[in-house]
Full PDB file with SEQRES, HELIX, SHEET, SSBOND, CRYST1, ORIGX, SCALE, CONECT and MASTER records, all heavy atoms in Angstrom:
SEQRES   1 A   29  SER ASN LEU ASP ILE LYS TYR THR LEU SER LEU LEU ASN          
SEQRES   2 A   29  LEU ALA ALA GLY GLY VAL ARG SER ASP ALA LYS THR VAL          
SEQRES   3 A   29  VAL ALA VAL                                                  
HELIX    1 AA1 ILE A    5  ASP A   22  1                                  18    
CRYST1    1.000    1.000    1.000  90.00  90.00  90.00 P 1           1          
ORIGX1      1.000000  0.000000  0.000000        0.00000                         
ORIGX2      0.000000  1.000000  0.000000        0.00000                         
ORIGX3      0.000000  0.000000  1.000000        0.00000                         
SCALE1      1.000000  0.000000  0.000000        0.00000                         
SCALE2      0.000000  1.000000  0.000000        0.00000                         
SCALE3      0.000000  0.000000  1.000000        0.00000                         
ATOM      1  N   SER A   1     -16.477  -0.055  24.168  1.00  0.00           N  
ATOM      2  CA  SER A   1     -16.583  -1.333  24.888  1.00  0.00           C  
ATOM      3  C   SER A   1     -17.862  -1.456  25.705  1.00  0.00           C  
ATOM      4  O   SER A   1     -18.329  -2.564  25.965  1.00  0.00           O  
ATOM      5  CB  SER A   1     -15.368  -1.520  25.796  1.00  0.00           C  
ATOM      6  OG  SER A   1     -15.263  -0.460  26.728  1.00  0.00           O  
ATOM      7  N   ASN A   2     -18.443  -0.330  26.139  1.00  0.00           N  
ATOM      8  CA  ASN A   2     -19.668  -0.377  26.947  1.00  0.00           C  
ATOM      9  C   ASN A   2     -20.925  -0.095  26.135  1.00  0.00           C  
ATOM     10  O   ASN A   2     -22.008   0.055  26.706  1.00  0.00           O  
ATOM     11  CB  ASN A   2     -19.594   0.645  28.092  1.00  0.00           C  
ATOM     12  CG  ASN A   2     -18.598   0.245  29.155  1.00  0.00           C  
ATOM     13  OD1 ASN A   2     -18.419  -0.948  29.429  1.00  0.00           O  
ATOM     14  ND2 ASN A   2     -17.938   1.218  29.756  1.00  0.00           N  
ATOM     15  N   LEU A   3     -20.805  -0.012  24.818  1.00  0.00           N  
ATOM     16  CA  LEU A   3     -21.933   0.420  23.994  1.00  0.00           C  
ATOM     17  C   LEU A   3     -22.605  -0.754  23.306  1.00  0.00           C  
ATOM     18  O   LEU A   3     -21.969  -1.768  22.998  1.00  0.00           O  
ATOM     19  CB  LEU A   3     -21.444   1.407  22.936  1.00  0.00           C  
ATOM     20  CG  LEU A   3     -20.770   2.679  23.441  1.00  0.00           C  
ATOM     21  CD1 LEU A   3     -20.355   3.555  22.264  1.00  0.00           C  
ATOM     22  CD2 LEU A   3     -21.682   3.451  24.380  1.00  0.00           C  
ATOM     23  N   ASP A   4     -23.907  -0.591  23.049  1.00  0.00           N  
ATOM     24  CA  ASP A   4     -24.604  -1.588  22.248  1.00  0.00           C  
ATOM     25  C   ASP A   4     -24.242  -1.386  20.780  1.00  0.00           C  
ATOM     26  O   ASP A   4     -23.515  -0.459  20.407  1.00  0.00           O  
ATOM     27  CB  ASP A   4     -26.117  -1.537  22.480  1.00  0.00           C  
ATOM     28  CG  ASP A   4     -26.737  -0.190  22.117  1.00  0.00           C  
ATOM     29  OD1 ASP A   4     -26.243   0.480  21.178  1.00  0.00           O  
ATOM     30  OD2 ASP A   4     -27.727   0.199  22.756  1.00  0.00           O  
ATOM     31  N   ILE A   5     -24.746  -2.290  19.942  1.00  0.00           N  
ATOM     32  CA  ILE A   5     -24.340  -2.287  18.536  1.00  0.00           C  
ATOM     33  C   ILE A   5     -24.693  -0.971  17.852  1.00  0.00           C  
ATOM     34  O   ILE A   5     -23.890  -0.403  17.098  1.00  0.00           O  
ATOM     35  CB  ILE A   5     -24.988  -3.473  17.797  1.00  0.00           C  
ATOM     36  CG1 ILE A   5     -24.448  -4.783  18.350  1.00  0.00           C  
ATOM     37  CG2 ILE A   5     -24.707  -3.386  16.293  1.00  0.00           C  
ATOM     38  CD1 ILE A   5     -25.176  -6.009  17.838  1.00  0.00           C  
ATOM     39  N   LYS A   6     -25.900  -0.451  18.123  1.00  0.00           N  
ATOM     40  CA  LYS A   6     -26.335   0.773  17.448  1.00  0.00           C  
ATOM     41  C   LYS A   6     -25.365   1.923  17.707  1.00  0.00           C  
ATOM     42  O   LYS A   6     -24.914   2.595  16.766  1.00  0.00           O  
ATOM     43  CB  LYS A   6     -27.736   1.174  17.921  1.00  0.00           C  
ATOM     44  CG  LYS A   6     -28.177   2.532  17.384  1.00  0.00           C  
ATOM     45  CD  LYS A   6     -29.486   3.015  17.984  1.00  0.00           C  
ATOM     46  CE  LYS A   6     -29.816   4.421  17.507  1.00  0.00           C  
ATOM     47  NZ  LYS A   6     -31.076   4.934  18.090  1.00  0.00           N  
ATOM     48  N   TYR A   7     -25.034   2.154  18.983  1.00  0.00           N  
ATOM     49  CA  TYR A   7     -24.195   3.308  19.300  1.00  0.00           C  
ATOM     50  C   TYR A   7     -22.732   3.047  18.970  1.00  0.00           C  
ATOM     51  O   TYR A   7     -21.983   3.986  18.673  1.00  0.00           O  
ATOM     52  CB  TYR A   7     -24.379   3.700  20.763  1.00  0.00           C  
ATOM     53  CG  TYR A   7     -25.747   4.282  21.019  1.00  0.00           C  
ATOM     54  CD1 TYR A   7     -26.653   3.663  21.871  1.00  0.00           C  
ATOM     55  CD2 TYR A   7     -26.157   5.446  20.368  1.00  0.00           C  
ATOM     56  CE1 TYR A   7     -27.915   4.192  22.083  1.00  0.00           C  
ATOM     57  CE2 TYR A   7     -27.409   5.988  20.573  1.00  0.00           C  
ATOM     58  CZ  TYR A   7     -28.287   5.348  21.424  1.00  0.00           C  
ATOM     59  OH  TYR A   7     -29.540   5.876  21.628  1.00  0.00           O  
ATOM     60  N   THR A   8     -22.316   1.783  18.995  1.00  0.00           N  
ATOM     61  CA  THR A   8     -20.964   1.462  18.533  1.00  0.00           C  
ATOM     62  C   THR A   8     -20.797   1.872  17.078  1.00  0.00           C  
ATOM     63  O   THR A   8     -19.835   2.562  16.716  1.00  0.00           O  
ATOM     64  CB  THR A   8     -20.694  -0.042  18.684  1.00  0.00           C  
ATOM     65  OG1 THR A   8     -20.646  -0.377  20.078  1.00  0.00           O  
ATOM     66  CG2 THR A   8     -19.366  -0.426  18.031  1.00  0.00           C  
ATOM     67  N   LEU A   9     -21.735   1.466  16.240  1.00  0.00           N  
ATOM     68  CA  LEU A   9     -21.658   1.815  14.823  1.00  0.00           C  
ATOM     69  C   LEU A   9     -21.779   3.324  14.616  1.00  0.00           C  
ATOM     70  O   LEU A   9     -21.062   3.912  13.796  1.00  0.00           O  
ATOM     71  CB  LEU A   9     -22.754   1.095  14.044  1.00  0.00           C  
ATOM     72  CG  LEU A   9     -22.682  -0.439  14.037  1.00  0.00           C  
ATOM     73  CD1 LEU A   9     -23.866  -1.020  13.272  1.00  0.00           C  
ATOM     74  CD2 LEU A   9     -21.380  -0.933  13.452  1.00  0.00           C  
ATOM     75  N   SER A  10     -22.666   3.966  15.369  1.00  0.00           N  
ATOM     76  CA  SER A  10     -22.880   5.404  15.219  1.00  0.00           C  
ATOM     77  C   SER A  10     -21.610   6.190  15.522  1.00  0.00           C  
ATOM     78  O   SER A  10     -21.214   7.082  14.749  1.00  0.00           O  
ATOM     79  CB  SER A  10     -24.019   5.850  16.144  1.00  0.00           C  
ATOM     80  OG  SER A  10     -24.171   7.255  16.110  1.00  0.00           O  
ATOM     81  N   LEU A  11     -20.940   5.855  16.633  1.00  0.00           N  
ATOM     82  CA  LEU A  11     -19.755   6.619  17.014  1.00  0.00           C  
ATOM     83  C   LEU A  11     -18.561   6.294  16.126  1.00  0.00           C  
ATOM     84  O   LEU A  11     -17.774   7.190  15.787  1.00  0.00           O  
ATOM     85  CB  LEU A  11     -19.427   6.370  18.486  1.00  0.00           C  
ATOM     86  CG  LEU A  11     -20.473   6.898  19.480  1.00  0.00           C  
ATOM     87  CD1 LEU A  11     -20.018   6.666  20.916  1.00  0.00           C  
ATOM     88  CD2 LEU A  11     -20.783   8.374  19.262  1.00  0.00           C  
ATOM     89  N   LEU A  12     -18.421   5.035  15.719  1.00  0.00           N  
ATOM     90  CA  LEU A  12     -17.335   4.716  14.791  1.00  0.00           C  
ATOM     91  C   LEU A  12     -17.574   5.368  13.426  1.00  0.00           C  
ATOM     92  O   LEU A  12     -16.614   5.768  12.751  1.00  0.00           O  
ATOM     93  CB  LEU A  12     -17.183   3.205  14.642  1.00  0.00           C  
ATOM     94  CG  LEU A  12     -16.602   2.487  15.864  1.00  0.00           C  
ATOM     95  CD1 LEU A  12     -16.544   0.977  15.618  1.00  0.00           C  
ATOM     96  CD2 LEU A  12     -15.212   3.017  16.226  1.00  0.00           C  
ATOM     97  N   ASN A  13     -18.841   5.513  13.035  1.00  0.00           N  
ATOM     98  CA  ASN A  13     -19.146   6.241  11.798  1.00  0.00           C  
ATOM     99  C   ASN A  13     -18.711   7.700  11.909  1.00  0.00           C  
ATOM    100  O   ASN A  13     -18.200   8.283  10.945  1.00  0.00           O  
ATOM    101  CB  ASN A  13     -20.638   6.161  11.483  1.00  0.00           C  
ATOM    102  CG  ASN A  13     -21.051   4.817  10.904  1.00  0.00           C  
ATOM    103  OD1 ASN A  13     -20.224   4.115  10.326  1.00  0.00           O  
ATOM    104  ND2 ASN A  13     -22.307   4.448  11.060  1.00  0.00           N  
ATOM    105  N   LEU A  14     -18.920   8.307  13.084  1.00  0.00           N  
ATOM    106  CA  LEU A  14     -18.487   9.691  13.278  1.00  0.00           C  
ATOM    107  C   LEU A  14     -16.965   9.802  13.174  1.00  0.00           C  
ATOM    108  O   LEU A  14     -16.433  10.724  12.546  1.00  0.00           O  
ATOM    109  CB  LEU A  14     -18.955  10.198  14.641  1.00  0.00           C  
ATOM    110  CG  LEU A  14     -20.452  10.467  14.800  1.00  0.00           C  
ATOM    111  CD1 LEU A  14     -20.766  10.850  16.247  1.00  0.00           C  
ATOM    112  CD2 LEU A  14     -20.910  11.571  13.862  1.00  0.00           C  
ATOM    113  N   ALA A  15     -16.256   8.862  13.794  1.00  0.00           N  
ATOM    114  CA  ALA A  15     -14.795   8.887  13.738  1.00  0.00           C  
ATOM    115  C   ALA A  15     -14.307   8.699  12.302  1.00  0.00           C  
ATOM    116  O   ALA A  15     -13.432   9.432  11.824  1.00  0.00           O  
ATOM    117  CB  ALA A  15     -14.211   7.808  14.642  1.00  0.00           C  
ATOM    118  N   ALA A  16     -14.884   7.723  11.604  1.00  0.00           N  
ATOM    119  CA  ALA A  16     -14.479   7.469  10.213  1.00  0.00           C  
ATOM    120  C   ALA A  16     -14.843   8.638   9.313  1.00  0.00           C  
ATOM    121  O   ALA A  16     -14.106   8.965   8.376  1.00  0.00           O  
ATOM    122  CB  ALA A  16     -15.136   6.189   9.709  1.00  0.00           C  
ATOM    123  N   GLY A  17     -15.961   9.298   9.597  1.00  0.00           N  
ATOM    124  CA  GLY A  17     -16.351  10.466   8.817  1.00  0.00           C  
ATOM    125  C   GLY A  17     -15.347  11.596   8.939  1.00  0.00           C  
ATOM    126  O   GLY A  17     -15.084  12.310   7.962  1.00  0.00           O  
ATOM    127  N   GLY A  18     -14.764  11.758  10.139  1.00  0.00           N  
ATOM    128  CA  GLY A  18     -13.734  12.783  10.316  1.00  0.00           C  
ATOM    129  C   GLY A  18     -12.484  12.496   9.504  1.00  0.00           C  
ATOM    130  O   GLY A  18     -11.815  13.411   9.027  1.00  0.00           O  
ATOM    131  N   VAL A  19     -12.158  11.209   9.339  1.00  0.00           N  
ATOM    132  CA  VAL A  19     -11.015  10.832   8.512  1.00  0.00           C  
ATOM    133  C   VAL A  19     -11.273  11.200   7.058  1.00  0.00           C  
ATOM    134  O   VAL A  19     -10.425  11.783   6.383  1.00  0.00           O  
ATOM    135  CB  VAL A  19     -10.733   9.315   8.644  1.00  0.00           C  
ATOM    136  CG1 VAL A  19      -9.631   8.887   7.663  1.00  0.00           C  
ATOM    137  CG2 VAL A  19     -10.347   8.970  10.073  1.00  0.00           C  
ATOM    138  N   ARG A  20     -12.476  10.895   6.579  1.00  0.00           N  
ATOM    139  CA  ARG A  20     -12.794  11.128   5.164  1.00  0.00           C  
ATOM    140  C   ARG A  20     -12.982  12.601   4.838  1.00  0.00           C  
ATOM    141  O   ARG A  20     -12.483  13.099   3.831  1.00  0.00           O  
ATOM    142  CB  ARG A  20     -14.064  10.350   4.792  1.00  0.00           C  
ATOM    143  CG  ARG A  20     -13.903   8.827   4.798  1.00  0.00           C  
ATOM    144  CD  ARG A  20     -15.115   8.159   4.172  1.00  0.00           C  
ATOM    145  NE  ARG A  20     -16.343   8.520   4.869  1.00  0.00           N  
ATOM    146  CZ  ARG A  20     -16.855   7.821   5.874  1.00  0.00           C  
ATOM    147  NH1 ARG A  20     -16.245   6.732   6.315  1.00  0.00           N  
ATOM    148  NH2 ARG A  20     -17.985   8.202   6.464  1.00  0.00           N  
ATOM    149  N   SER A  21     -13.717  13.314   5.701  1.00  0.00           N  
ATOM    150  CA  SER A  21     -14.095  14.687   5.351  1.00  0.00           C  
ATOM    151  C   SER A  21     -13.097  15.734   5.821  1.00  0.00           C  
ATOM    152  O   SER A  21     -12.964  16.790   5.196  1.00  0.00           O  
ATOM    153  CB  SER A  21     -15.480  15.015   5.929  1.00  0.00           C  
ATOM    154  OG  SER A  21     -15.456  14.952   7.350  1.00  0.00           O  
ATOM    155  N   ASP A  22     -12.390  15.470   6.928  1.00  0.00           N  
ATOM    156  CA  ASP A  22     -11.500  16.480   7.507  1.00  0.00           C  
ATOM    157  C   ASP A  22     -10.046  16.027   7.593  1.00  0.00           C  
ATOM    158  O   ASP A  22      -9.232  16.700   8.226  1.00  0.00           O  
ATOM    159  CB  ASP A  22     -11.987  16.862   8.907  1.00  0.00           C  
ATOM    160  CG  ASP A  22     -13.393  17.441   8.883  1.00  0.00           C  
ATOM    161  OD1 ASP A  22     -13.679  18.236   7.962  1.00  0.00           O  
ATOM    162  OD2 ASP A  22     -14.210  17.088   9.753  1.00  0.00           O  
ATOM    163  N   ALA A  23      -9.733  14.880   6.971  1.00  0.00           N  
ATOM    164  CA  ALA A  23      -8.355  14.351   6.960  1.00  0.00           C  
ATOM    165  C   ALA A  23      -7.799  14.140   8.363  1.00  0.00           C  
ATOM    166  O   ALA A  23      -6.597  14.294   8.602  1.00  0.00           O  
ATOM    167  CB  ALA A  23      -7.435  15.271   6.156  1.00  0.00           C  
ATOM    168  N   LYS A  24      -8.667  13.790   9.312  1.00  0.00           N  
ATOM    169  CA  LYS A  24      -8.211  13.496  10.662  1.00  0.00           C  
ATOM    170  C   LYS A  24      -7.516  12.143  10.694  1.00  0.00           C  
ATOM    171  O   LYS A  24      -7.719  11.287   9.823  1.00  0.00           O  
ATOM    172  CB  LYS A  24      -9.387  13.503  11.639  1.00  0.00           C  
ATOM    173  CG  LYS A  24     -10.013  14.884  11.850  1.00  0.00           C  
ATOM    174  CD  LYS A  24     -11.145  14.820  12.848  1.00  0.00           C  
ATOM    175  CE  LYS A  24     -11.815  16.185  13.038  1.00  0.00           C  
ATOM    176  NZ  LYS A  24     -10.942  17.142  13.731  1.00  0.00           N  
ATOM    177  N   THR A  25      -6.698  11.951  11.708  1.00  0.00           N  
ATOM    178  CA  THR A  25      -6.039  10.675  11.945  1.00  0.00           C  
ATOM    179  C   THR A  25      -6.675  10.037  13.170  1.00  0.00           C  
ATOM    180  O   THR A  25      -6.735  10.666  14.232  1.00  0.00           O  
ATOM    181  CB  THR A  25      -4.530  10.864  12.187  1.00  0.00           C  
ATOM    182  OG1 THR A  25      -3.958  11.516  11.055  1.00  0.00           O  
ATOM    183  CG2 THR A  25      -3.842   9.524  12.404  1.00  0.00           C  
ATOM    184  N   VAL A  26      -7.170   8.815  13.032  1.00  0.00           N  
ATOM    185  CA  VAL A  26      -7.758   8.086  14.146  1.00  0.00           C  
ATOM    186  C   VAL A  26      -6.885   6.879  14.445  1.00  0.00           C  
ATOM    187  O   VAL A  26      -6.512   6.126  13.539  1.00  0.00           O  
ATOM    188  CB  VAL A  26      -9.202   7.627  13.840  1.00  0.00           C  
ATOM    189  CG1 VAL A  26      -9.760   6.792  14.986  1.00  0.00           C  
ATOM    190  CG2 VAL A  26     -10.099   8.832  13.581  1.00  0.00           C  
ATOM    191  N   VAL A  27      -6.548   6.715  15.721  1.00  0.00           N  
ATOM    192  CA  VAL A  27      -5.804   5.537  16.169  1.00  0.00           C  
ATOM    193  C   VAL A  27      -6.640   4.874  17.255  1.00  0.00           C  
ATOM    194  O   VAL A  27      -6.906   5.482  18.297  1.00  0.00           O  
ATOM    195  CB  VAL A  27      -4.416   5.907  16.725  1.00  0.00           C  
ATOM    196  CG1 VAL A  27      -3.634   4.642  17.053  1.00  0.00           C  
ATOM    197  CG2 VAL A  27      -3.649   6.786  15.748  1.00  0.00           C  
ATOM    198  N   ALA A  28      -7.071   3.635  17.014  1.00  0.00           N  
ATOM    199  CA  ALA A  28      -8.020   2.987  17.904  1.00  0.00           C  
ATOM    200  C   ALA A  28      -7.552   1.602  18.310  1.00  0.00           C  
ATOM    201  O   ALA A  28      -7.123   0.808  17.472  1.00  0.00           O  
ATOM    202  CB  ALA A  28      -9.389   2.885  17.226  1.00  0.00           C  
ATOM    203  N   VAL A  29      -7.651   1.320  19.605  1.00  0.00           N  
ATOM    204  CA  VAL A  29      -7.548  -0.051  20.084  1.00  0.00           C  
ATOM    205  C   VAL A  29      -8.942  -0.645  20.032  1.00  0.00           C  
ATOM    206  O   VAL A  29      -9.884  -0.101  20.618  1.00  0.00           O  
ATOM    207  CB  VAL A  29      -6.987  -0.108  21.521  1.00  0.00           C  
ATOM    208  CG1 VAL A  29      -7.221  -1.487  22.138  1.00  0.00           C  
ATOM    209  CG2 VAL A  29      -5.508   0.226  21.529  1.00  0.00           C  
TER     210      VAL A  29                                                      
MASTER        0    0    0    1    0    0    0    6  209    1    0    3          
END                                                                             
């Protein structure tokens, strides 16, 4: 919520990458 577009996309990419590569579960509001 406090991030600009670049870092929003960067961190959500990291979260989504964990789902794809490590079978993590992400729950996000």
